[in-house]
Amino acid sequence: MNGIVIVDKPSNWTSHDVINKIKKILKIKKIGHAGTLDPLATGVLVVLLNGATKLSDYLLADEKEYVFEVVVGVATDTEDASGNVTDVKAVNELGNVDEVLAGLVGPLKQKPPMYSSVHYQGRKLYEYAREGQTLDRIARDVHIYEMKRISEIIYKENKAVFSASARVSKGTYIRSLAVEIGNRLNFPAYLGSLRRIASGNFKIEDAVTIDEIEKDNFKIITMLDAMKNYKSIEVSKSNYENIMNGIPILLDCHDDEVVLSFNNEMIAIYERDGLQYKAKRVWK
């Protein structure tokens, strides 16, 4: 059972919770995912079964799309609705939200939130945060490709709330983006809710729930279909045997990496090495 299942992660589950549950349902040994979602977030979680776990690095690199809610006027220590309030500033009116969102499109520097699973000196940042420590984190380069407001701005209880959509590069923290939106509006802010609606080619319309998986009502996407953005070559029997032994081969191709298949099943990823191609991943 090699392949990919697109799961609609429920709120209040960690990505690890989802993986463990599916592992038990399907009774498989190797399982992983391509892109963590926060416990409060919902939506597309790309679950990798058995041999497909070798595709993690490729699928992690995909762009992500989200819809999310920004709460302006309050800050929390976790940068989302689960945290303790750290700052409050009453909001009466926000006049330039759309301009602020448009101004964030493009390259951006982001520091990982303290409440995140990024590792520092052998521990996860959230472990330090839970001990009351705040560490100086190195800012990372991310990219916001598109972002726009998709709801009216609602004013209530001295706060302003609105929803937005964004298409972003890997490694982008939407929690931190919500905080930055607030900063540029001159108010504290946090992420009210988050839903991932796409990860690369995988859309929320393709996703199934945990209940549907338990009822065996789901589709396994083949590895070949998952890598359809890459050049794919169906190889001959003679080349198949060489590939299974990891031997470099000649290909009529100019791409840096190429997906190789035999009998319409993905068997390897080869990379250019001078005039020939050498093995990078092989599925036996």
C-alpha atoms as a PDB file:
ATOM      1  CA  MET A   1       0.000   0.000   0.000  1.00  0.00           C
ATOM      2  CA  ASN A   2       2.242   2.794  -1.328  1.00  0.00           C
ATOM      3  CA  GLY A   3       0.582   6.137  -1.962  1.00  0.00           C
ATOM      4  CA  ILE A   4      -0.932   9.331  -0.613  1.00  0.00           C
ATOM      5  CA  VAL A   5      -4.184  10.036   1.222  1.00  0.00           C
ATOM      6  CA  ILE A   6      -5.431  13.611   1.562  1.00  0.00           C
ATOM      7  CA  VAL A   7      -7.009  14.033   4.986  1.00  0.00           C
ATOM      8  CA  ASP A   8      -9.214  16.875   6.204  1.00  0.00           C
ATOM      9  CA  LYS A   9      -7.592  17.288   9.616  1.00  0.00           C
ATOM     10  CA  PRO A  10     -10.085  18.074  12.363  1.00  0.00           C
ATOM     11  CA  SER A  11      -9.538  20.852  14.880  1.00  0.00           C
ATOM     12  CA  ASN A  12      -7.986  19.960  18.252  1.00  0.00           C
ATOM     13  CA  TRP A  13      -6.021  17.093  16.705  1.00  0.00           C
ATOM     14  CA  THR A  14      -2.276  17.328  16.202  1.00  0.00           C
ATOM     15  CA  SER A  15      -0.904  16.172  12.860  1.00  0.00           C
ATOM     16  CA  HIS A  16       0.765  13.359  14.813  1.00  0.00           C
ATOM     17  CA  ASP A  17      -2.636  12.324  16.232  1.00  0.00           C
ATOM     18  CA  VAL A  18      -3.956  11.961  12.682  1.00  0.00           C
ATOM     19  CA  ILE A  19      -0.952   9.915  11.584  1.00  0.00           C
ATOM     20  CA  ASN A  20      -1.240   7.552  14.548  1.00  0.00           C
ATOM     21  CA  LYS A  21      -4.975   7.063  13.991  1.00  0.00           C
ATOM     22  CA  ILE A  22      -4.573   6.252  10.294  1.00  0.00           C
ATOM     23  CA  LYS A  23      -1.675   3.926  11.057  1.00  0.00           C
ATOM     24  CA  LYS A  24      -3.946   1.900  13.333  1.00  0.00           C
ATOM     25  CA  ILE A  25      -6.895   1.932  10.914  1.00  0.00           C
ATOM     26  CA  LEU A  26      -4.863   0.800   7.907  1.00  0.00           C
ATOM     27  CA  LYS A  27      -2.496  -1.421   9.911  1.00  0.00           C
ATOM     28  CA  ILE A  28       0.617  -0.182   8.149  1.00  0.00           C
ATOM     29  CA  LYS A  29       4.154   0.231   9.466  1.00  0.00           C
ATOM     30  CA  LYS A  30       5.486   3.300   7.645  1.00  0.00           C
ATOM     31  CA  ILE A  31       3.503   6.515   7.559  1.00  0.00           C
ATOM     32  CA  GLY A  32       4.262  10.225   7.553  1.00  0.00           C
ATOM     33  CA  HIS A  33       2.968  13.558   6.328  1.00  0.00           C
ATOM     34  CA  ALA A  34       4.101  16.468   4.170  1.00  0.00           C
ATOM     35  CA  GLY A  35       3.511  19.605   6.214  1.00  0.00           C
ATOM     36  CA  THR A  36       2.404  19.963   9.844  1.00  0.00           C
ATOM     37  CA  LEU A  37      -0.818  21.735  10.783  1.00  0.00           C
ATOM     38  CA  ASP A  38      -1.279  23.355  14.197  1.00  0.00           C
ATOM     39  CA  PRO A  39      -3.735  21.562  16.520  1.00  0.00           C
ATOM     40  CA  LEU A  40      -6.413  24.273  16.121  1.00  0.00           C
ATOM     41  CA  ALA A  41      -6.071  24.297  12.316  1.00  0.00           C
ATOM     42  CA  THR A  42      -8.143  22.194   9.937  1.00  0.00           C
ATOM     43  CA  GLY A  43      -7.855  21.138   6.325  1.00  0.00           C
ATOM     44  CA  VAL A  44      -5.453  19.490   3.936  1.00  0.00           C
ATOM     45  CA  LEU A  45      -2.945  17.129   5.544  1.00  0.00           C
ATOM     46  CA  VAL A  46      -0.958  15.122   2.978  1.00  0.00           C
ATOM     47  CA  VAL A  47      -0.518  11.663   4.489  1.00  0.00           C
ATOM     48  CA  LEU A  48       2.204   9.419   3.034  1.00  0.00           C
ATOM     49  CA  LEU A  49       1.833   5.639   3.170  1.00  0.00           C
ATOM     50  CA  ASN A  50       4.764   3.198   3.194  1.00  0.00           C
ATOM     51  CA  GLY A  51       7.076   3.872   0.223  1.00  0.00           C
ATOM     52  CA  ALA A  52       5.503   7.266  -0.376  1.00  0.00           C
ATOM     53  CA  THR A  53       7.240   8.534   2.780  1.00  0.00           C
ATOM     54  CA  LYS A  54      10.318   8.896   0.543  1.00  0.00           C
ATOM     55  CA  LEU A  55       8.481  11.703  -1.268  1.00  0.00           C
ATOM     56  CA  SER A  56       8.271  13.864   1.854  1.00  0.00           C
ATOM     57  CA  ASP A  57      11.024  16.298   0.841  1.00  0.00           C
ATOM     58  CA  TYR A  58       9.414  16.875  -2.563  1.00  0.00           C
ATOM     59  CA  LEU A  59       5.870  17.416  -1.310  1.00  0.00           C
ATOM     60  CA  LEU A  60       6.973  19.560   1.656  1.00  0.00           C
ATOM     61  CA  ALA A  61       8.370  22.043  -0.863  1.00  0.00           C
ATOM     62  CA  ASP A  62       4.937  22.664  -2.409  1.00  0.00           C
ATOM     63  CA  GLU A  63       3.108  25.973  -2.035  1.00  0.00           C
ATOM     64  CA  LYS A  64       0.237  26.065   0.450  1.00  0.00           C
ATOM     65  CA  GLU A  65      -3.105  27.880   0.366  1.00  0.00           C
ATOM     66  CA  TYR A  66      -5.055  28.962   3.444  1.00  0.00           C
ATOM     67  CA  VAL A  67      -8.137  30.791   4.568  1.00  0.00           C
ATOM     68  CA  PHE A  68      -7.797  32.341   8.001  1.00  0.00           C
ATOM     69  CA  GLU A  69      -9.310  34.744  10.479  1.00  0.00           C
ATOM     70  CA  VAL A  70      -7.411  37.657  12.006  1.00  0.00           C
ATOM     71  CA  VAL A  71      -8.489  39.075  15.362  1.00  0.00           C
ATOM     72  CA  VAL A  72      -7.187  42.624  15.783  1.00  0.00           C
ATOM     73  CA  GLY A  73      -6.962  44.338  19.175  1.00  0.00           C
ATOM     74  CA  VAL A  74      -5.586  41.463  21.259  1.00  0.00           C
ATOM     75  CA  ALA A  75      -2.294  39.555  21.293  1.00  0.00           C
ATOM     76  CA  THR A  76      -1.621  36.114  22.795  1.00  0.00           C
ATOM     77  CA  ASP A  77       1.569  34.275  23.719  1.00  0.00           C
ATOM     78  CA  THR A  78       0.853  31.504  21.186  1.00  0.00           C
ATOM     79  CA  GLU A  79      -0.168  33.963  18.440  1.00  0.00           C
ATOM     80  CA  ASP A  80      -3.495  32.132  18.119  1.00  0.00           C
ATOM     81  CA  ALA A  81      -6.793  31.676  19.956  1.00  0.00           C
ATOM     82  CA  SER A  82      -5.390  29.030  22.327  1.00  0.00           C
ATOM     83  CA  GLY A  83      -2.966  31.316  24.135  1.00  0.00           C
ATOM     84  CA  ASN A  84      -2.958  33.661  27.096  1.00  0.00           C
ATOM     85  CA  VAL A  85      -3.629  37.333  26.419  1.00  0.00           C
ATOM     86  CA  THR A  86      -0.452  39.429  26.469  1.00  0.00           C
ATOM     87  CA  ASP A  87      -1.636  42.770  25.064  1.00  0.00           C
ATOM     88  CA  VAL A  88      -4.897  44.609  24.454  1.00  0.00           C
ATOM     89  CA  LYS A  89      -5.676  47.769  22.499  1.00  0.00           C
ATOM     90  CA  ALA A  90      -9.246  48.787  21.733  1.00  0.00           C
ATOM     91  CA  VAL A  91     -10.141  48.981  18.038  1.00  0.00           C
ATOM     92  CA  ASN A  92     -12.757  51.412  16.775  1.00  0.00           C
ATOM     93  CA  GLU A  93     -11.927  51.448  13.086  1.00  0.00           C
ATOM     94  CA  LEU A  94      -9.421  49.905  10.648  1.00  0.00           C
ATOM     95  CA  GLY A  95      -9.049  51.983   7.527  1.00  0.00           C
ATOM     96  CA  ASN A  96      -6.268  50.362   5.496  1.00  0.00           C
ATOM     97  CA  VAL A  97      -6.587  46.578   5.866  1.00  0.00           C
ATOM     98  CA  ASP A  98      -6.555  45.851   2.139  1.00  0.00           C
ATOM     99  CA  GLU A  99      -3.473  48.000   1.618  1.00  0.00           C
ATOM    100  CA  VAL A 100      -1.654  46.231   4.449  1.00  0.00           C
ATOM    101  CA  LEU A 101      -2.481  42.803   3.005  1.00  0.00           C
ATOM    102  CA  ALA A 102      -1.323  43.868  -0.462  1.00  0.00           C
ATOM    103  CA  GLY A 103       1.879  45.287   1.039  1.00  0.00           C
ATOM    104  CA  LEU A 104       2.796  41.900   2.509  1.00  0.00           C
ATOM    105  CA  VAL A 105       2.723  40.137  -0.868  1.00  0.00           C
ATOM    106  CA  GLY A 106       6.259  39.256  -1.913  1.00  0.00           C
ATOM    107  CA  PRO A 107       9.371  38.072  -0.033  1.00  0.00           C
ATOM    108  CA  LEU A 108       9.143  38.247   3.747  1.00  0.00           C
ATOM    109  CA  LYS A 109      11.347  37.514   6.756  1.00  0.00           C
ATOM    110  CA  GLN A 110       9.675  35.508   9.522  1.00  0.00           C
ATOM    111  CA  LYS A 111      10.877  34.282  12.887  1.00  0.00           C
ATOM    112  CA  PRO A 112       9.330  30.932  13.888  1.00  0.00           C
ATOM    113  CA  PRO A 113       6.819  31.364  16.753  1.00  0.00           C
ATOM    114  CA  MET A 114       8.043  30.277  20.172  1.00  0.00           C
ATOM    115  CA  TYR A 115       5.083  27.918  20.262  1.00  0.00           C
ATOM    116  CA  SER A 116       6.286  25.849  17.285  1.00  0.00           C
ATOM    117  CA  SER A 117       8.019  22.517  16.729  1.00  0.00           C
ATOM    118  CA  VAL A 118      11.199  24.054  15.316  1.00  0.00           C
ATOM    119  CA  HIS A 119      14.246  22.507  16.988  1.00  0.00           C
ATOM    120  CA  TYR A 120      16.829  24.504  18.930  1.00  0.00           C
ATOM    121  CA  GLN A 121      19.730  22.781  20.694  1.00  0.00           C
ATOM    122  CA  GLY A 122      17.988  19.414  20.681  1.00  0.00           C
ATOM    123  CA  ARG A 123      14.628  20.646  21.959  1.00  0.00           C
ATOM    124  CA  LYS A 124      11.504  22.058  20.348  1.00  0.00           C
ATOM    125  CA  LEU A 125      10.813  25.757  20.725  1.00  0.00           C
ATOM    126  CA  TYR A 126       7.450  25.149  22.392  1.00  0.00           C
ATOM    127  CA  GLU A 127       9.222  23.242  25.176  1.00  0.00           C
ATOM    128  CA  TYR A 128      11.198  26.387  26.020  1.00  0.00           C
ATOM    129  CA  ALA A 129       8.037  28.510  25.678  1.00  0.00           C
ATOM    130  CA  ARG A 130       6.167  26.337  28.176  1.00  0.00           C
ATOM    131  CA  GLU A 131       8.975  27.016  30.654  1.00  0.00           C
ATOM    132  CA  GLY A 132       8.470  30.750  30.172  1.00  0.00           C
ATOM    133  CA  GLN A 133      11.565  31.237  28.019  1.00  0.00           C
ATOM    134  CA  THR A 134      11.701  33.396  24.903  1.00  0.00           C
ATOM    135  CA  LEU A 135      14.679  32.701  22.648  1.00  0.00           C
ATOM    136  CA  ASP A 136      16.120  34.814  19.868  1.00  0.00           C
ATOM    137  CA  ARG A 137      15.144  32.983  16.684  1.00  0.00           C
ATOM    138  CA  ILE A 138      16.761  33.334  13.270  1.00  0.00           C
ATOM    139  CA  ALA A 139      14.396  34.874  10.711  1.00  0.00           C
ATOM    140  CA  ARG A 140      13.626  32.724   7.671  1.00  0.00           C
ATOM    141  CA  ASP A 141      12.922  33.731   4.098  1.00  0.00           C
ATOM    142  CA  VAL A 142       9.347  32.991   3.022  1.00  0.00           C
ATOM    143  CA  HIS A 143       7.193  34.294   0.193  1.00  0.00           C
ATOM    144  CA  ILE A 144       3.576  35.453   0.096  1.00  0.00           C
ATOM    145  CA  TYR A 145       2.368  34.928  -3.474  1.00  0.00           C
ATOM    146  CA  GLU A 146      -1.211  36.140  -3.020  1.00  0.00           C
ATOM    147  CA  MET A 147      -3.242  37.504  -0.139  1.00  0.00           C
ATOM    148  CA  LYS A 148      -6.595  39.260   0.057  1.00  0.00           C
ATOM    149  CA  ARG A 149      -9.445  39.956   2.447  1.00  0.00           C
ATOM    150  CA  ILE A 150     -12.476  37.703   1.828  1.00  0.00           C
ATOM    151  CA  SER A 151     -14.945  39.003   4.407  1.00  0.00           C
ATOM    152  CA  GLU A 152     -16.327  42.181   5.834  1.00  0.00           C
ATOM    153  CA  ILE A 153     -14.578  43.652   8.880  1.00  0.00           C
ATOM    154  CA  ILE A 154     -16.694  42.990  11.964  1.00  0.00           C
ATOM    155  CA  TYR A 155     -16.287  45.201  15.028  1.00  0.00           C
ATOM    156  CA  LYS A 156     -17.271  43.732  18.382  1.00  0.00           C
ATOM    157  CA  GLU A 157     -16.091  43.928  21.985  1.00  0.00           C
ATOM    158  CA  ASN A 158     -13.376  46.492  21.080  1.00  0.00           C
ATOM    159  CA  LYS A 159     -11.898  44.110  18.524  1.00  0.00           C
ATOM    160  CA  ALA A 160     -11.949  43.889  14.728  1.00  0.00           C
ATOM    161  CA  VAL A 161     -12.277  40.511  12.999  1.00  0.00           C
ATOM    162  CA  PHE A 162     -11.930  39.645   9.323  1.00  0.00           C
ATOM    163  CA  SER A 163     -11.040  36.674   7.123  1.00  0.00           C
ATOM    164  CA  ALA A 164      -8.388  36.476   4.421  1.00  0.00           C
ATOM    165  CA  SER A 165      -6.967  33.988   1.954  1.00  0.00           C
ATOM    166  CA  ALA A 166      -3.300  33.483   1.128  1.00  0.00           C
ATOM    167  CA  ARG A 167      -1.072  31.408  -1.132  1.00  0.00           C
ATOM    168  CA  VAL A 168       2.371  31.065   0.431  1.00  0.00           C
ATOM    169  CA  SER A 169       5.701  29.279   0.214  1.00  0.00           C
ATOM    170  CA  LYS A 170       6.694  26.358   2.390  1.00  0.00           C
ATOM    171  CA  GLY A 171       7.691  27.285   5.913  1.00  0.00           C
ATOM    172  CA  THR A 172       5.298  30.233   6.200  1.00  0.00           C
ATOM    173  CA  TYR A 173       3.658  30.590   9.604  1.00  0.00           C
ATOM    174  CA  ILE A 174       0.171  32.028   9.206  1.00  0.00           C
ATOM    175  CA  ARG A 175       0.086  32.768  12.944  1.00  0.00           C
ATOM    176  CA  SER A 176       3.088  35.035  12.528  1.00  0.00           C
ATOM    177  CA  LEU A 177       1.515  36.535   9.415  1.00  0.00           C
ATOM    178  CA  ALA A 178      -1.596  37.464  11.426  1.00  0.00           C
ATOM    179  CA  VAL A 179       0.596  39.118  14.052  1.00  0.00           C
ATOM    180  CA  GLU A 180       2.480  41.035  11.343  1.00  0.00           C
ATOM    181  CA  ILE A 181      -0.807  42.215   9.836  1.00  0.00           C
ATOM    182  CA  GLY A 182      -1.687  43.586  13.259  1.00  0.00           C
ATOM    183  CA  ASN A 183       1.705  45.254  13.626  1.00  0.00           C
ATOM    184  CA  ARG A 184       1.247  47.048  10.324  1.00  0.00           C
ATOM    185  CA  LEU A 185      -2.199  48.171  11.434  1.00  0.00           C
ATOM    186  CA  ASN A 186      -0.622  49.439  14.691  1.00  0.00           C
ATOM    187  CA  PHE A 187      -2.603  46.989  16.816  1.00  0.00           C
ATOM    188  CA  PRO A 188      -1.903  43.692  18.586  1.00  0.00           C
ATOM    189  CA  ALA A 189      -3.441  40.722  16.749  1.00  0.00           C
ATOM    190  CA  TYR A 190      -3.678  36.963  16.727  1.00  0.00           C
ATOM    191  CA  LEU A 191      -4.835  34.165  14.443  1.00  0.00           C
ATOM    192  CA  GLY A 192      -8.471  33.326  15.159  1.00  0.00           C
ATOM    193  CA  SER A 193      -8.840  30.281  12.924  1.00  0.00           C
ATOM    194  CA  LEU A 194      -6.955  28.562  10.106  1.00  0.00           C
ATOM    195  CA  ARG A 195      -7.925  26.173   7.329  1.00  0.00           C
ATOM    196  CA  ARG A 196      -5.498  24.814   4.737  1.00  0.00           C
ATOM    197  CA  ILE A 197      -7.354  24.484   1.457  1.00  0.00           C
ATOM    198  CA  ALA A 198      -4.492  23.304  -0.760  1.00  0.00           C
ATOM    199  CA  SER A 199      -0.997  21.861  -0.614  1.00  0.00           C
ATOM    200  CA  GLY A 200       0.587  21.766  -4.052  1.00  0.00           C
ATOM    201  CA  ASN A 201      -1.778  19.904  -6.364  1.00  0.00           C
ATOM    202  CA  PHE A 202      -3.810  18.509  -3.472  1.00  0.00           C
ATOM    203  CA  LYS A 203      -7.039  20.414  -2.783  1.00  0.00           C
ATOM    204  CA  ILE A 204      -9.536  20.346   0.070  1.00  0.00           C
ATOM    205  CA  GLU A 205     -12.046  18.852  -2.391  1.00  0.00           C
ATOM    206  CA  ASP A 206      -9.774  15.764  -2.535  1.00  0.00           C
ATOM    207  CA  ALA A 207      -9.678  15.363   1.245  1.00  0.00           C
ATOM    208  CA  VAL A 208     -11.459  12.740   3.324  1.00  0.00           C
ATOM    209  CA  THR A 209     -12.259  12.661   7.018  1.00  0.00           C
ATOM    210  CA  ILE A 210     -10.985  10.180   9.584  1.00  0.00           C
ATOM    211  CA  ASP A 211     -14.512   8.701   9.714  1.00  0.00           C
ATOM    212  CA  GLU A 212     -14.448   8.080   5.951  1.00  0.00           C
ATOM    213  CA  ILE A 213     -11.112   6.302   6.247  1.00  0.00           C
ATOM    214  CA  GLU A 214     -12.530   4.111   9.017  1.00  0.00           C
ATOM    215  CA  LYS A 215     -15.412   3.222   6.662  1.00  0.00           C
ATOM    216  CA  ASP A 216     -12.926   2.439   3.855  1.00  0.00           C
ATOM    217  CA  ASN A 217     -14.415   5.279   1.821  1.00  0.00           C
ATOM    218  CA  PHE A 218     -11.264   6.928   0.508  1.00  0.00           C
ATOM    219  CA  LYS A 219      -8.889   6.993  -2.454  1.00  0.00           C
ATOM    220  CA  ILE A 220      -5.163   6.327  -2.425  1.00  0.00           C
ATOM    221  CA  ILE A 221      -3.335   8.625  -4.833  1.00  0.00           C
ATOM    222  CA  THR A 222      -0.448   6.876  -6.579  1.00  0.00           C
ATOM    223  CA  MET A 223       3.085   8.163  -6.190  1.00  0.00           C
ATOM    224  CA  LEU A 224       3.217   8.712  -9.942  1.00  0.00           C
ATOM    225  CA  ASP A 225       0.149  10.959  -9.818  1.00  0.00           C
ATOM    226  CA  ALA A 226       1.545  12.806  -6.796  1.00  0.00           C
ATOM    227  CA  MET A 227       4.682  13.684  -8.776  1.00  0.00           C
ATOM    228  CA  LYS A 228       2.947  14.720 -11.994  1.00  0.00           C
ATOM    229  CA  ASN A 229       4.665  18.108 -11.965  1.00  0.00           C
ATOM    230  CA  TYR A 230       7.952  16.347 -12.660  1.00  0.00           C
ATOM    231  CA  LYS A 231       9.157  14.943 -15.965  1.00  0.00           C
ATOM    232  CA  SER A 232       8.157  11.283 -16.101  1.00  0.00           C
ATOM    233  CA  ILE A 233       9.654   8.549 -18.291  1.00  0.00           C
ATOM    234  CA  GLU A 234       8.439   4.972 -18.701  1.00  0.00           C
ATOM    235  CA  VAL A 235      11.580   2.850 -18.910  1.00  0.00           C
ATOM    236  CA  SER A 236      12.393  -0.351 -20.796  1.00  0.00           C
ATOM    237  CA  LYS A 237      12.841  -3.748 -19.189  1.00  0.00           C
ATOM    238  CA  SER A 238      16.627  -3.548 -19.535  1.00  0.00           C
ATOM    239  CA  ASN A 239      16.765  -0.139 -17.890  1.00  0.00           C
ATOM    240  CA  TYR A 240      14.363  -1.327 -15.190  1.00  0.00           C
ATOM    241  CA  GLU A 241      16.872  -3.914 -14.036  1.00  0.00           C
ATOM    242  CA  ASN A 242      19.695  -1.366 -13.994  1.00  0.00           C
ATOM    243  CA  ILE A 243      17.528   1.099 -12.047  1.00  0.00           C
ATOM    244  CA  MET A 244      16.616  -1.499  -9.433  1.00  0.00           C
ATOM    245  CA  ASN A 245      20.348  -1.898  -8.842  1.00  0.00           C
ATOM    246  CA  GLY A 246      20.926   1.859  -8.686  1.00  0.00           C
ATOM    247  CA  ILE A 247      23.081   1.906 -11.807  1.00  0.00           C
ATOM    248  CA  PRO A 248      23.467   5.241 -13.663  1.00  0.00           C
ATOM    249  CA  ILE A 249      21.675   5.347 -17.016  1.00  0.00           C
ATOM    250  CA  LEU A 250      21.428   7.521 -20.112  1.00  0.00           C
ATOM    251  CA  LEU A 251      18.103   9.259 -20.757  1.00  0.00           C
ATOM    252  CA  ASP A 252      16.747  11.386 -23.580  1.00  0.00           C
ATOM    253  CA  CYS A 253      15.964  14.188 -21.165  1.00  0.00           C
ATOM    254  CA  HIS A 254      17.252  17.596 -20.054  1.00  0.00           C
ATOM    255  CA  ASP A 255      15.592  17.958 -16.637  1.00  0.00           C
ATOM    256  CA  ASP A 256      17.692  18.001 -13.461  1.00  0.00           C
ATOM    257  CA  GLU A 257      15.452  15.375 -11.880  1.00  0.00           C
ATOM    258  CA  VAL A 258      13.180  12.848 -13.550  1.00  0.00           C
ATOM    259  CA  VAL A 259      10.581  10.375 -12.301  1.00  0.00           C
ATOM    260  CA  LEU A 260      11.009   6.876 -13.711  1.00  0.00           C
ATOM    261  CA  SER A 261       8.194   4.350 -14.027  1.00  0.00           C
ATOM    262  CA  PHE A 262       7.797   0.758 -15.178  1.00  0.00           C
ATOM    263  CA  ASN A 263       4.426  -0.799 -16.007  1.00  0.00           C
ATOM    264  CA  ASN A 264       2.930   2.579 -15.050  1.00  0.00           C
ATOM    265  CA  GLU A 265       4.269   2.405 -11.488  1.00  0.00           C
ATOM    266  CA  MET A 266       6.840   4.802 -10.067  1.00  0.00           C
ATOM    267  CA  ILE A 267      10.127   3.030  -9.407  1.00  0.00           C
ATOM    268  CA  ALA A 268      12.741   5.775  -8.983  1.00  0.00           C
ATOM    269  CA  ILE A 269      13.779   9.391  -9.046  1.00  0.00           C
ATOM    270  CA  TYR A 270      17.017   9.963 -10.935  1.00  0.00           C
ATOM    271  CA  GLU A 271      19.080  13.162 -11.079  1.00  0.00           C
ATOM    272  CA  ARG A 272      21.358  14.535 -13.782  1.00  0.00           C
ATOM    273  CA  ASP A 273      25.056  13.814 -13.328  1.00  0.00           C
ATOM    274  CA  GLY A 274      26.981  15.110 -16.303  1.00  0.00           C
ATOM    275  CA  LEU A 275      25.853  13.238 -19.420  1.00  0.00           C
ATOM    276  CA  GLN A 276      23.992  10.555 -17.488  1.00  0.00           C
ATOM    277  CA  TYR A 277      21.476  10.207 -14.661  1.00  0.00           C
ATOM    278  CA  LYS A 278      22.159   8.611 -11.278  1.00  0.00           C
ATOM    279  CA  ALA A 279      19.819   7.239  -8.640  1.00  0.00           C
ATOM    280  CA  LYS A 280      18.426   9.566  -5.973  1.00  0.00           C
ATOM    281  CA  ARG A 281      15.465   7.461  -4.776  1.00  0.00           C
ATOM    282  CA  VAL A 282      14.706   3.859  -5.753  1.00  0.00           C
ATOM    283  CA  TRP A 283      11.595   1.880  -4.767  1.00  0.00           C
ATOM    284  CA  LYS A 284      12.154  -1.892  -4.686  1.00  0.00           C
END
